């Protein structure tokens, strides 16, 4: 039997973690299901305001083979916690532990857990957003476009509640896997088969397949010099949402000259734009808690360090 490692402990050395002590209030390592030690999540609460709080759920990247829920790579995505939002960071099973669709099922189970326990966790179940980067963005898009579809979930995992969300942000991620031949090796490990050789099966993993009139508002951002995930993946998704839902349902931002994991996309300037998007849908465009950002610290950093 394969020994199961905690993702955070396995990858902490290469992905230093966010310092959880900096937040006013936290709920850490909450189990949202019981099949794995990695089916856990953290919640960081904002510095001010009264609940129930709107919630942003974060899904880290790492090609589904690396990463953890407190990875320093997602610290910029935690900045909504300084602007009146609760932030939940989601741990999920990586492909060494479980093949697809375990990762999607885990994401949906996390959403269902948070909605089922929203009252006790001081969260607003009508204001749930998902935000993911790279591989985490694939999970984010699928959660957004599949809603409560029974054929895209496993309700024996975790608790019963709706897994619908109200808006989504996806950074430099995939939407149409059948056209993405450069993912062959990585996705063979995830899926258990080469995606190009089994197009019908691969189509069922592609978020673009599930776009319908119920698709929630989505912000898509991608660097045009991305050598890992072609930026056209986000263009395809944007065009599909626009075709099905109209001009205003999706926003596409392309960053000229920017690579995968673009520092420009993680800059305060762009994070403000992302929070503007959240505010539009959760605060009717007028968030009373908007203020200058404070730094999100990594464990061991001094808050006076640049």
Protein backbone atom coordinates (compact mmCIF):
# COMPACT_ATOMS: atom_id res chain seq x y z
CA UNK A 1 0.00 0.00 0.00
CA UNK A 2 1.33 3.44 -0.95
CA UNK A 3 2.12 5.62 2.04
CA UNK A 4 0.15 8.88 1.99
CA UNK A 5 2.04 12.02 2.92
CA UNK A 6 0.59 15.32 3.98
CA UNK A 7 1.08 17.65 1.03
CA UNK A 8 2.18 20.56 3.19
CA UNK A 9 4.87 18.56 4.98
CA UNK A 10 6.11 17.02 1.74
CA UNK A 11 6.49 20.29 -0.17
CA UNK A 12 7.13 22.83 2.60
CA UNK A 13 10.86 23.08 1.92
CA UNK A 14 10.40 24.11 -1.71
CA UNK A 15 7.21 26.10 -1.11
CA UNK A 16 7.56 28.07 2.16
CA UNK A 17 4.27 28.74 3.84
CA UNK A 18 2.13 31.75 4.58
CA UNK A 19 2.41 32.79 8.24
CA UNK A 20 -1.04 32.08 9.68
CA UNK A 21 -0.27 34.04 12.86
CA UNK A 22 -0.65 37.34 10.98
CA UNK A 23 -4.43 36.99 10.68
CA UNK A 24 -6.86 38.22 13.32
CA UNK A 25 -8.74 34.94 13.37
CA UNK A 26 -8.23 31.60 11.68
CA UNK A 27 -9.77 28.16 11.49
CA UNK A 28 -7.01 25.75 10.49
CA UNK A 29 -6.90 22.22 9.08
CA UNK A 30 -10.66 21.76 9.01
CA UNK A 31 -11.49 18.35 7.49
CA UNK A 32 -14.10 18.61 4.74
CA UNK A 33 -14.08 14.86 3.99
CA UNK A 34 -12.56 11.74 5.51
CA UNK A 35 -10.89 9.76 2.72
CA UNK A 36 -7.50 11.46 3.07
CA UNK A 37 -5.39 13.52 5.45
CA UNK A 38 -5.16 16.04 2.59
CA UNK A 39 -8.89 16.77 2.50
CA UNK A 40 -8.50 19.79 4.76
CA UNK A 41 -8.79 23.56 4.50
CA UNK A 42 -7.85 26.76 6.33
CA UNK A 43 -9.98 29.88 6.76
CA UNK A 44 -8.43 33.31 7.30
CA UNK A 45 -10.78 36.04 8.52
CA UNK A 46 -10.52 39.75 7.71
CA UNK A 47 -9.10 42.30 10.13
CA UNK A 48 -12.37 44.21 10.40
CA UNK A 49 -16.05 43.98 9.63
CA UNK A 50 -18.88 41.88 10.92
CA UNK A 51 -19.85 38.53 9.49
CA UNK A 52 -21.23 36.70 7.78
CA UNK A 53 -18.33 37.37 5.41
CA UNK A 54 -18.15 36.83 1.66
CA UNK A 55 -15.73 34.01 0.97
CA UNK A 56 -12.94 33.51 -1.57
CA UNK A 57 -11.78 29.89 -1.89
CA UNK A 58 -8.23 29.43 -3.23
CA UNK A 59 -6.91 26.45 -5.19
CA UNK A 60 -3.13 26.33 -5.55
CA UNK A 61 -1.31 25.33 -8.72
CA UNK A 62 1.49 22.82 -9.20
CA UNK A 63 0.38 20.57 -12.09
CA UNK A 64 -1.56 18.46 -9.55
CA UNK A 65 1.76 16.94 -8.44
CA UNK A 66 3.09 19.54 -6.01
CA UNK A 67 1.99 22.38 -3.76
CA UNK A 68 -0.04 22.85 -0.60
CA UNK A 69 -2.73 25.14 0.79
CA UNK A 70 -0.37 27.61 2.47
CA UNK A 71 2.13 27.86 -0.38
CA UNK A 72 3.87 31.22 -0.74
CA UNK A 73 2.91 31.09 -4.42
CA UNK A 74 -0.68 32.03 -3.54
CA UNK A 75 0.08 34.82 -1.07
CA UNK A 76 -1.07 37.54 -3.49
CA UNK A 77 -4.37 35.67 -3.89
CA UNK A 78 -4.85 35.95 -0.10
CA UNK A 79 -5.01 39.76 -0.25
CA UNK A 80 -8.84 39.86 -0.24
CA UNK A 81 -8.53 39.06 3.48
CA UNK A 82 -7.30 42.64 3.93
CA UNK A 83 -10.40 43.96 2.15
CA UNK A 84 -13.33 42.49 4.08
CA UNK A 85 -13.31 38.96 2.65
CA UNK A 86 -12.76 35.66 4.39
CA UNK A 87 -10.29 33.48 2.49
CA UNK A 88 -10.29 29.67 2.52
CA UNK A 89 -7.26 27.83 1.17
CA UNK A 90 -8.08 24.32 0.00
CA UNK A 91 -5.84 21.27 0.27
CA UNK A 92 -6.72 18.51 -2.18
CA UNK A 93 -5.40 15.11 -3.13
CA UNK A 94 -2.57 15.27 -5.66
CA UNK A 95 -2.35 12.77 -8.49
CA UNK A 96 0.30 10.66 -6.71
CA UNK A 97 -2.42 9.88 -4.19
CA UNK A 98 -5.53 9.74 -6.38
CA UNK A 99 -6.26 10.07 -10.09
CA UNK A 100 -8.71 12.51 -11.62
CA UNK A 101 -11.55 13.31 -10.89
CA UNK A 102 -10.48 13.14 -7.22
CA UNK A 103 -9.19 16.71 -7.42
CA UNK A 104 -12.51 18.07 -8.70
CA UNK A 105 -14.47 15.98 -6.22
CA UNK A 106 -12.32 17.35 -3.39
CA UNK A 107 -12.91 20.92 -4.55
CA UNK A 108 -16.65 20.42 -4.67
CA UNK A 109 -16.64 18.67 -1.28
CA UNK A 110 -14.82 21.68 0.17
CA UNK A 111 -17.45 24.05 -1.24
CA UNK A 112 -20.25 21.86 0.12
CA UNK A 113 -18.63 21.69 3.55
CA UNK A 114 -18.20 25.46 3.74
CA UNK A 115 -21.81 26.07 2.67
CA UNK A 116 -23.19 23.43 5.04
CA UNK A 117 -21.30 25.01 7.96
CA UNK A 118 -21.54 28.63 6.81
CA UNK A 119 -23.47 29.83 9.86
CA UNK A 120 -21.04 28.46 12.44
CA UNK A 121 -18.06 29.59 10.33
CA UNK A 122 -19.49 33.13 9.98
CA UNK A 123 -19.63 32.96 6.18
CA UNK A 124 -22.26 34.18 3.73
CA UNK A 125 -23.33 31.13 1.66
CA UNK A 126 -24.76 33.40 -1.04
CA UNK A 127 -21.38 35.04 -1.67
CA UNK A 128 -18.89 32.27 -2.51
CA UNK A 129 -16.09 32.79 -5.04
CA UNK A 130 -13.36 30.45 -6.27
CA UNK A 131 -9.91 31.56 -7.44
CA UNK A 132 -7.21 29.29 -8.79
CA UNK A 133 -3.92 29.51 -10.64
CA UNK A 134 -2.60 27.08 -13.24
CA UNK A 135 -3.76 23.57 -12.23
CA UNK A 136 -5.83 25.14 -9.47
CA UNK A 137 -7.46 27.27 -12.14
CA UNK A 138 -8.67 24.14 -13.94
CA UNK A 139 -10.40 22.99 -10.76
CA UNK A 140 -11.75 26.52 -10.26
CA UNK A 141 -13.26 26.68 -13.74
CA UNK A 142 -14.82 23.25 -13.45
CA UNK A 143 -16.34 24.02 -10.05
CA UNK A 144 -17.75 27.23 -11.51
CA UNK A 145 -19.32 25.76 -14.63
CA UNK A 146 -20.62 22.44 -13.30
CA UNK A 147 -22.57 23.73 -10.29
CA UNK A 148 -24.64 20.93 -8.78
CA UNK A 149 -24.41 18.55 -11.75
CA UNK A 150 -24.62 15.03 -10.34
CA UNK A 151 -22.40 13.61 -13.10
CA UNK A 152 -19.54 15.90 -12.03
CA UNK A 153 -19.51 15.10 -8.33
CA UNK A 154 -19.48 12.27 -5.82
CA UNK A 155 -21.84 13.03 -2.96
CA UNK A 156 -20.48 10.11 -0.94
CA UNK A 157 -17.39 12.29 -0.38
CA UNK A 158 -17.96 14.89 2.32
CA UNK A 159 -21.25 16.48 3.32
CA UNK A 160 -24.37 17.29 1.35
CA UNK A 161 -25.05 20.86 0.31
CA UNK A 162 -24.94 22.91 -2.89
CA UNK A 163 -21.55 23.28 -4.56
CA UNK A 164 -22.63 26.25 -6.68
CA UNK A 165 -20.50 29.38 -6.51
CA UNK A 166 -21.31 32.97 -7.42
CA UNK A 167 -18.18 34.08 -9.31
CA UNK A 168 -14.73 32.82 -10.27
CA UNK A 169 -11.22 34.00 -11.10
CA UNK A 170 -8.93 31.75 -13.16
CA UNK A 171 -5.26 32.53 -13.79
CA UNK A 172 -3.23 31.04 -16.66
CA UNK A 173 -5.11 27.78 -16.82
CA UNK A 174 -6.57 25.21 -19.22
CA UNK A 175 -10.10 25.18 -20.57
CA UNK A 176 -10.00 22.79 -23.54
CA UNK A 177 -7.69 19.84 -22.97
CA UNK A 178 -8.24 18.10 -26.31
CA UNK A 179 -6.35 20.87 -28.11
CA UNK A 180 -3.61 21.06 -25.51
CA UNK A 181 -1.12 18.47 -26.72
CA UNK A 182 1.70 20.02 -24.69
CA UNK A 183 -0.02 18.68 -21.56
CA UNK A 184 0.25 15.07 -22.69
CA UNK A 185 2.88 13.80 -20.24
CA UNK A 186 1.61 15.72 -17.21
CA UNK A 187 -2.02 14.85 -17.80
CA UNK A 188 -1.27 11.20 -18.51
CA UNK A 189 -0.15 10.95 -14.89
CA UNK A 190 -3.22 12.84 -13.66
CA UNK A 191 -5.84 11.12 -15.81
CA UNK A 192 -4.29 7.69 -16.16
CA UNK A 193 -4.34 7.93 -19.98
CA UNK A 194 -2.91 10.22 -22.69
CA UNK A 195 -5.51 12.96 -23.20
CA UNK A 196 -5.02 13.26 -26.96
CA UNK A 197 -5.59 9.52 -27.51
CA UNK A 198 -8.97 9.51 -25.77
CA UNK A 199 -10.70 12.72 -26.86
CA UNK A 200 -14.18 11.81 -25.60
CA UNK A 201 -12.89 11.13 -22.10
CA UNK A 202 -10.68 14.21 -22.20
CA UNK A 203 -13.59 16.38 -23.29
CA UNK A 204 -15.31 15.53 -20.00
CA UNK A 205 -12.37 17.08 -18.13
CA UNK A 206 -12.54 20.30 -20.16
CA UNK A 207 -14.38 23.20 -18.47
CA UNK A 208 -15.41 24.63 -21.83
CA UNK A 209 -17.71 21.63 -22.37
CA UNK A 210 -19.96 22.59 -19.45
CA UNK A 211 -20.53 26.28 -20.14
CA UNK A 212 -24.26 27.02 -20.17
CA UNK A 213 -26.51 29.94 -19.32
CA UNK A 214 -25.98 29.32 -15.61
CA UNK A 215 -22.22 29.97 -15.81
CA UNK A 216 -21.31 32.44 -13.02
CA UNK A 217 -19.34 35.63 -13.76
CA UNK A 218 -15.71 34.75 -14.48
CA UNK A 219 -12.48 36.74 -14.70
CA UNK A 220 -9.85 35.09 -16.90
CA UNK A 221 -6.25 36.33 -16.88
CA UNK A 222 -3.30 34.98 -18.84
CA UNK A 223 0.20 35.98 -19.89
CA UNK A 224 0.73 35.98 -23.66
CA UNK A 225 4.29 34.58 -23.36
CA UNK A 226 3.14 31.62 -21.28
CA UNK A 227 5.20 28.64 -22.45
CA UNK A 228 3.44 26.22 -20.07
CA UNK A 229 -0.22 26.89 -20.88
CA UNK A 230 -0.96 28.64 -24.19
CA UNK A 231 -2.87 31.85 -23.54
CA UNK A 232 -5.42 30.84 -26.18
CA UNK A 233 -6.82 28.45 -23.58
CA UNK A 234 -8.26 31.46 -21.75
CA UNK A 235 -9.36 33.03 -25.04
CA UNK A 236 -11.32 29.87 -25.90
CA UNK A 237 -13.11 29.97 -22.54
CA UNK A 238 -13.89 33.66 -22.81
CA UNK A 239 -15.33 33.28 -26.30
CA UNK A 240 -17.46 30.31 -25.25
CA UNK A 241 -18.91 32.12 -22.23
CA UNK A 242 -19.59 35.20 -24.35
CA UNK A 243 -21.31 33.09 -27.01
CA UNK A 244 -23.55 31.28 -24.51
CA UNK A 245 -24.13 33.93 -21.84
CA UNK A 246 -23.62 37.29 -23.53
CA UNK A 247 -20.98 40.00 -23.44
CA UNK A 248 -21.00 40.77 -19.72
CA UNK A 249 -20.60 37.35 -18.10
CA UNK A 250 -16.84 37.00 -18.54
CA UNK A 251 -13.83 39.33 -18.52
CA UNK A 252 -10.57 38.45 -20.29
CA UNK A 253 -7.27 40.17 -19.49
CA UNK A 254 -4.21 39.24 -21.55
CA UNK A 255 -0.76 40.39 -20.38
CA UNK A 256 1.63 41.02 -23.23
CA UNK A 257 5.10 39.57 -22.69
CA UNK A 258 4.19 37.84 -19.43
CA UNK A 259 5.12 34.20 -18.66
CA UNK A 260 3.36 31.46 -16.70
CA UNK A 261 3.13 32.59 -13.08
CA UNK A 262 3.48 36.21 -14.19
CA UNK A 263 4.77 38.57 -11.46
CA UNK A 264 2.74 41.34 -13.09
CA UNK A 265 -0.45 39.38 -12.51
CA UNK A 266 0.49 38.96 -8.85
CA UNK A 267 1.24 42.67 -8.43
CA UNK A 268 -0.84 44.87 -6.14
CA UNK A 269 -2.12 46.74 -9.19
CA UNK A 270 -3.62 43.61 -10.73
CA UNK A 271 -4.85 42.20 -7.41
CA UNK A 272 -6.81 45.44 -6.97
CA UNK A 273 -8.44 44.72 -10.31
CA UNK A 274 -9.31 41.20 -9.18
CA UNK A 275 -10.85 42.53 -5.98
CA UNK A 276 -12.76 45.12 -8.01
CA UNK A 277 -14.28 42.15 -9.84
CA UNK A 278 -15.24 40.48 -6.56
CA UNK A 279 -16.63 43.75 -5.19
CA UNK A 280 -18.82 44.20 -8.26
CA UNK A 281 -20.59 40.92 -7.57
CA UNK A 282 -20.49 40.79 -3.77
CA UNK A 283 -20.71 44.43 -2.69
CA UNK A 284 -22.57 45.90 -5.69
CA UNK A 285 -19.34 47.68 -6.53
CA UNK A 286 -19.06 49.54 -3.22
CA UNK A 287 -17.01 47.64 -0.66
CA UNK A 288 -16.80 49.62 2.62
CA UNK A 289 -13.68 47.69 3.66
CA UNK A 290 -11.43 48.68 0.76
CA UNK A 291 -8.16 50.21 1.95
CA UNK A 292 -4.43 50.02 1.14
CA UNK A 293 -3.09 46.49 1.17
CA UNK A 294 -0.89 45.21 3.91
CA UNK A 295 1.73 42.60 3.11
CA UNK A 296 0.92 38.92 3.38
CA UNK A 297 3.86 37.51 5.32
CA UNK A 298 5.64 34.22 4.79
CA UNK A 299 6.62 32.30 7.93
CA UNK A 300 9.89 33.68 9.29
CA UNK A 301 9.55 37.08 7.60
CA UNK A 302 9.63 40.28 9.60
CA UNK A 303 6.76 42.64 8.79
CA UNK A 304 9.31 45.45 8.39
CA UNK A 305 11.24 43.58 5.69
CA UNK A 306 10.91 44.67 2.10
